[in-house]
Amino acid sequence: MSKHADKARVAMTDAVAQANASVINAGRLLISKVNAVQGHEDIVLAMESVLDVIVAAEQLGENVKAFEEACRNALATCIDETGAPEVMTKHHKATMARKPAFVAIEGEFQSEDDRFWNEPTPNKKAIKEALEDGEIVPGCEIRRPNSLTLRITTRKS
């Protein structure tokens, strides 16, 4: 393994390990709250305990989402730094892909064309189709970001 690839690997695994700490702590807190539910003879205390479980579970969910994002960022950075075209496991494939084009609306959208509305918001899909067909839709344009994003797909066996 090259020195550059080894450095990228270490940075990626360190980022994952660091992000994992908050998930572990939130999981431990949830377990302690679940264990505290048992044994309450007072209904109010039992309900308060279950409320604590719900709040701890929500916190764990937020930490897991942040952990997933940190892992995605770490993998994307490693792929980018090493120039790897893809990463494959038995059931999944990760690649870097350009972010898709999107419709940008400047200011207050004021078209009177019904096909451009999903009341009360503009129908960006219809606007995009019209712009791609060469129509002019005042105040709208298609933007194509140049940045890359990590795409994970399921591999067919």
C-alpha atoms as a PDB file:
ATOM      1  CA  MET A   1       0.000   0.000   0.000  1.00  0.00           C
ATOM      2  CA  SER A   2       1.345   3.423  -0.899  1.00  0.00           C
ATOM      3  CA  LYS A   3       2.146   5.954   1.816  1.00  0.00           C
ATOM      4  CA  HIS A   4      -0.654   8.200   0.500  1.00  0.00           C
ATOM      5  CA  ALA A   5      -3.218   5.373   0.546  1.00  0.00           C
ATOM      6  CA  ASP A   6      -2.122   4.321   4.021  1.00  0.00           C
ATOM      7  CA  LYS A   7      -2.556   7.889   5.280  1.00  0.00           C
ATOM      8  CA  ALA A   8      -6.055   8.059   3.746  1.00  0.00           C
ATOM      9  CA  ARG A   9      -6.975   4.699   5.329  1.00  0.00           C
ATOM     10  CA  VAL A  10      -5.830   5.839   8.775  1.00  0.00           C
ATOM     11  CA  ALA A  11      -7.718   9.138   8.471  1.00  0.00           C
ATOM     12  CA  MET A  12     -10.889   7.301   7.419  1.00  0.00           C
ATOM     13  CA  THR A  13     -10.768   4.687  10.182  1.00  0.00           C
ATOM     14  CA  ASP A  14      -9.937   7.331  12.794  1.00  0.00           C
ATOM     15  CA  ALA A  15     -12.935   9.437  11.696  1.00  0.00           C
ATOM     16  CA  VAL A  16     -15.247   6.420  11.983  1.00  0.00           C
ATOM     17  CA  ALA A  17     -13.904   5.494  15.423  1.00  0.00           C
ATOM     18  CA  GLN A  18     -14.283   9.056  16.693  1.00  0.00           C
ATOM     19  CA  ALA A  19     -17.865   9.366  15.408  1.00  0.00           C
ATOM     20  CA  ASN A  20     -18.755   5.989  16.897  1.00  0.00           C
ATOM     21  CA  ALA A  21     -18.118   7.197  20.476  1.00  0.00           C
ATOM     22  CA  SER A  22     -21.324   9.262  20.568  1.00  0.00           C
ATOM     23  CA  VAL A  23     -23.375   6.282  19.364  1.00  0.00           C
ATOM     24  CA  ILE A  24     -21.893   4.056  22.068  1.00  0.00           C
ATOM     25  CA  ASN A  25     -22.609   6.622  24.784  1.00  0.00           C
ATOM     26  CA  ALA A  26     -26.171   7.214  23.586  1.00  0.00           C
ATOM     27  CA  GLY A  27     -26.722   3.437  23.404  1.00  0.00           C
ATOM     28  CA  ARG A  28     -25.514   2.985  26.971  1.00  0.00           C
ATOM     29  CA  LEU A  29     -27.843   5.742  28.139  1.00  0.00           C
ATOM     30  CA  LEU A  30     -30.779   4.087  26.360  1.00  0.00           C
ATOM     31  CA  ILE A  31     -29.984   0.715  27.941  1.00  0.00           C
ATOM     32  CA  SER A  32     -29.876   2.285  31.398  1.00  0.00           C
ATOM     33  CA  LYS A  33     -33.239   4.002  30.794  1.00  0.00           C
ATOM     34  CA  VAL A  34     -34.813   0.744  29.539  1.00  0.00           C
ATOM     35  CA  ASN A  35     -33.507  -1.107  32.604  1.00  0.00           C
ATOM     36  CA  ALA A  36     -34.992   1.592  34.849  1.00  0.00           C
ATOM     37  CA  VAL A  37     -38.510   1.021  33.450  1.00  0.00           C
ATOM     38  CA  GLN A  38     -38.930  -2.270  35.316  1.00  0.00           C
ATOM     39  CA  GLY A  39     -39.996  -2.354  38.949  1.00  0.00           C
ATOM     40  CA  HIS A  40     -42.063   0.826  39.218  1.00  0.00           C
ATOM     41  CA  GLU A  41     -45.212   0.247  41.251  1.00  0.00           C
ATOM     42  CA  ASP A  42     -46.339   3.853  40.830  1.00  0.00           C
ATOM     43  CA  ILE A  43     -47.974   4.518  37.427  1.00  0.00           C
ATOM     44  CA  VAL A  44     -46.619   8.073  37.288  1.00  0.00           C
ATOM     45  CA  LEU A  45     -43.037   6.887  37.851  1.00  0.00           C
ATOM     46  CA  ALA A  46     -43.526   4.131  35.258  1.00  0.00           C
ATOM     47  CA  MET A  47     -44.764   6.654  32.671  1.00  0.00           C
ATOM     48  CA  GLU A  48     -41.896   9.024  33.466  1.00  0.00           C
ATOM     49  CA  SER A  49     -39.487   6.130  32.936  1.00  0.00           C
ATOM     50  CA  VAL A  50     -40.981   5.318  29.545  1.00  0.00           C
ATOM     51  CA  LEU A  51     -40.763   8.999  28.608  1.00  0.00           C
ATOM     52  CA  ASP A  52     -37.057   8.859  29.496  1.00  0.00           C
ATOM     53  CA  VAL A  53     -36.700   5.810  27.214  1.00  0.00           C
ATOM     54  CA  ILE A  54     -38.339   7.652  24.324  1.00  0.00           C
ATOM     55  CA  VAL A  55     -36.081  10.687  24.737  1.00  0.00           C
ATOM     56  CA  ALA A  56     -32.977   8.461  24.987  1.00  0.00           C
ATOM     57  CA  ALA A  57     -34.073   6.513  21.880  1.00  0.00           C
ATOM     58  CA  GLU A  58     -34.543   9.752  19.942  1.00  0.00           C
ATOM     59  CA  GLN A  59     -31.071  10.870  21.019  1.00  0.00           C
ATOM     60  CA  LEU A  60     -29.602   7.542  19.908  1.00  0.00           C
ATOM     61  CA  GLY A  61     -31.335   7.948  16.532  1.00  0.00           C
ATOM     62  CA  GLU A  62     -29.841  11.428  16.093  1.00  0.00           C
ATOM     63  CA  ASN A  63     -26.398  10.100  16.999  1.00  0.00           C
ATOM     64  CA  VAL A  64     -26.748   7.175  14.588  1.00  0.00           C
ATOM     65  CA  LYS A  65     -27.736   9.583  11.783  1.00  0.00           C
ATOM     66  CA  ALA A  66     -24.707  11.782  12.544  1.00  0.00           C
ATOM     67  CA  PHE A  67     -22.528   8.640  12.655  1.00  0.00           C
ATOM     68  CA  GLU A  68     -23.804   7.540   9.247  1.00  0.00           C
ATOM     69  CA  GLU A  69     -23.038  10.985   7.821  1.00  0.00           C
ATOM     70  CA  ALA A  70     -19.524  10.938   9.317  1.00  0.00           C
ATOM     71  CA  CYS A  71     -18.908   7.488   7.820  1.00  0.00           C
ATOM     72  CA  ARG A  72     -20.199   8.614   4.409  1.00  0.00           C
ATOM     73  CA  ASN A  73     -17.945  11.678   4.517  1.00  0.00           C
ATOM     74  CA  ALA A  74     -14.931   9.612   5.599  1.00  0.00           C
ATOM     75  CA  LEU A  75     -15.466   7.055   2.811  1.00  0.00           C
ATOM     76  CA  ALA A  76     -16.083   9.769   0.204  1.00  0.00           C
ATOM     77  CA  THR A  77     -12.901  11.584   1.243  1.00  0.00           C
ATOM     78  CA  CYS A  78     -10.887   8.368   1.104  1.00  0.00           C
ATOM     79  CA  ILE A  79     -12.255   7.467  -2.340  1.00  0.00           C
ATOM     80  CA  ASP A  80     -11.509  10.984  -3.563  1.00  0.00           C
ATOM     81  CA  GLU A  81      -7.987  11.080  -2.120  1.00  0.00           C
ATOM     82  CA  THR A  82      -7.006   7.648  -3.413  1.00  0.00           C
ATOM     83  CA  GLY A  83      -8.764   7.915  -6.779  1.00  0.00           C
ATOM     84  CA  ALA A  84     -10.543   4.594  -6.244  1.00  0.00           C
ATOM     85  CA  PRO A  85     -13.271   4.267  -8.896  1.00  0.00           C
ATOM     86  CA  GLU A  86     -15.552   2.220  -6.618  1.00  0.00           C
ATOM     87  CA  VAL A  87     -15.710   0.212  -3.422  1.00  0.00           C
ATOM     88  CA  MET A  88     -17.604  -3.085  -3.528  1.00  0.00           C
ATOM     89  CA  THR A  89     -18.812  -5.529  -0.937  1.00  0.00           C
ATOM     90  CA  LYS A  90     -20.813  -8.665  -1.591  1.00  0.00           C
ATOM     91  CA  HIS A  91     -24.104  -6.733  -1.678  1.00  0.00           C
ATOM     92  CA  HIS A  92     -23.253  -3.035  -2.150  1.00  0.00           C
ATOM     93  CA  LYS A  93     -21.224  -0.699  -4.316  1.00  0.00           C
ATOM     94  CA  ALA A  94     -20.083   2.826  -3.459  1.00  0.00           C
ATOM     95  CA  THR A  95     -19.043   5.306  -6.123  1.00  0.00           C
ATOM     96  CA  MET A  96     -18.615   9.041  -6.362  1.00  0.00           C
ATOM     97  CA  ALA A  97     -21.210  10.721  -8.587  1.00  0.00           C
ATOM     98  CA  ARG A  98     -21.995  14.255  -9.643  1.00  0.00           C
ATOM     99  CA  LYS A  99     -24.886  15.820  -7.780  1.00  0.00           C
ATOM    100  CA  PRO A 100     -27.979  15.963 -10.005  1.00  0.00           C
ATOM    101  CA  ALA A 101     -29.172  19.076 -11.784  1.00  0.00           C
ATOM    102  CA  PHE A 102     -31.922  21.020 -10.045  1.00  0.00           C
ATOM    103  CA  VAL A 103     -34.282  23.902 -10.728  1.00  0.00           C
ATOM    104  CA  ALA A 104     -33.388  27.197  -9.082  1.00  0.00           C
ATOM    105  CA  ILE A 105     -36.136  29.787  -8.721  1.00  0.00           C
ATOM    106  CA  GLU A 106     -35.034  33.374  -8.263  1.00  0.00           C
ATOM    107  CA  GLY A 107     -37.312  35.496  -6.113  1.00  0.00           C
ATOM    108  CA  GLU A 108     -41.064  34.933  -5.952  1.00  0.00           C
ATOM    109  CA  PHE A 109     -42.267  32.457  -8.611  1.00  0.00           C
ATOM    110  CA  GLN A 110     -45.166  34.072 -10.500  1.00  0.00           C
ATOM    111  CA  SER A 111     -46.073  31.888 -13.472  1.00  0.00           C
ATOM    112  CA  GLU A 112     -49.759  31.667 -14.350  1.00  0.00           C
ATOM    113  CA  ASP A 113     -49.252  28.383 -16.213  1.00  0.00           C
ATOM    114  CA  ASP A 114     -51.135  25.718 -14.184  1.00  0.00           C
ATOM    115  CA  ARG A 115     -48.692  22.941 -15.096  1.00  0.00           C
ATOM    116  CA  PHE A 116     -45.960  24.768 -13.142  1.00  0.00           C
ATOM    117  CA  TRP A 117     -47.888  24.625  -9.857  1.00  0.00           C
ATOM    118  CA  ASN A 118     -48.453  22.056  -7.132  1.00  0.00           C
ATOM    119  CA  GLU A 119     -50.509  24.371  -4.966  1.00  0.00           C
ATOM    120  CA  PRO A 120     -49.204  26.182  -3.033  1.00  0.00           C
ATOM    121  CA  THR A 121     -45.667  25.529  -4.322  1.00  0.00           C
ATOM    122  CA  PRO A 122     -44.106  25.550  -7.779  1.00  0.00           C
ATOM    123  CA  ASN A 123     -43.934  22.174  -9.581  1.00  0.00           C
ATOM    124  CA  LYS A 124     -40.169  21.967 -10.055  1.00  0.00           C
ATOM    125  CA  LYS A 125     -40.391  18.708 -12.017  1.00  0.00           C
ATOM    126  CA  ALA A 126     -42.652  20.305 -14.641  1.00  0.00           C
ATOM    127  CA  ILE A 127     -40.502  23.438 -14.680  1.00  0.00           C
ATOM    128  CA  LYS A 128     -37.358  21.351 -15.201  1.00  0.00           C
ATOM    129  CA  GLU A 129     -38.967  19.421 -18.067  1.00  0.00           C
ATOM    130  CA  ALA A 130     -40.019  22.675 -19.711  1.00  0.00           C
ATOM    131  CA  LEU A 131     -36.556  24.207 -19.332  1.00  0.00           C
ATOM    132  CA  GLU A 132     -34.931  21.056 -20.736  1.00  0.00           C
ATOM    133  CA  ASP A 133     -37.305  21.264 -23.719  1.00  0.00           C
ATOM    134  CA  GLY A 134     -36.056  24.782 -24.400  1.00  0.00           C
ATOM    135  CA  GLU A 135     -38.965  26.748 -22.974  1.00  0.00           C
ATOM    136  CA  ILE A 136     -38.309  29.967 -21.101  1.00  0.00           C
ATOM    137  CA  VAL A 137     -39.743  29.980 -17.596  1.00  0.00           C
ATOM    138  CA  PRO A 138     -39.214  33.468 -16.117  1.00  0.00           C
ATOM    139  CA  GLY A 139     -37.120  33.490 -12.958  1.00  0.00           C
ATOM    140  CA  CYS A 140     -36.099  29.823 -13.315  1.00  0.00           C
ATOM    141  CA  GLU A 141     -32.968  28.046 -14.454  1.00  0.00           C
ATOM    142  CA  ILE A 142     -31.417  24.605 -14.270  1.00  0.00           C
ATOM    143  CA  ARG A 143     -28.278  24.472 -12.166  1.00  0.00           C
ATOM    144  CA  ARG A 144     -25.769  21.682 -12.456  1.00  0.00           C
ATOM    145  CA  PRO A 145     -23.530  21.490  -9.397  1.00  0.00           C
ATOM    146  CA  ASN A 146     -19.984  20.369 -10.011  1.00  0.00           C
ATOM    147  CA  SER A 147     -19.544  18.727  -6.620  1.00  0.00           C
ATOM    148  CA  LEU A 148     -19.484  14.995  -6.047  1.00  0.00           C
ATOM    149  CA  THR A 149     -21.514  12.922  -3.623  1.00  0.00           C
ATOM    150  CA  LEU A 150     -21.187   9.351  -2.384  1.00  0.00           C
ATOM    151  CA  ARG A 151     -23.668   7.026  -4.073  1.00  0.00           C
ATOM    152  CA  ILE A 152     -24.311   3.627  -2.500  1.00  0.00           C
ATOM    153  CA  THR A 153     -26.259   1.069  -4.506  1.00  0.00           C
ATOM    154  CA  THR A 154     -27.346  -2.487  -3.894  1.00  0.00           C
ATOM    155  CA  ARG A 155     -25.614  -5.034  -6.093  1.00  0.00           C
ATOM    156  CA  LYS A 156     -27.694  -7.702  -7.735  1.00  0.00           C
ATOM    157  CA  SER A 157     -26.528 -11.178  -6.823  1.00  0.00           C
END
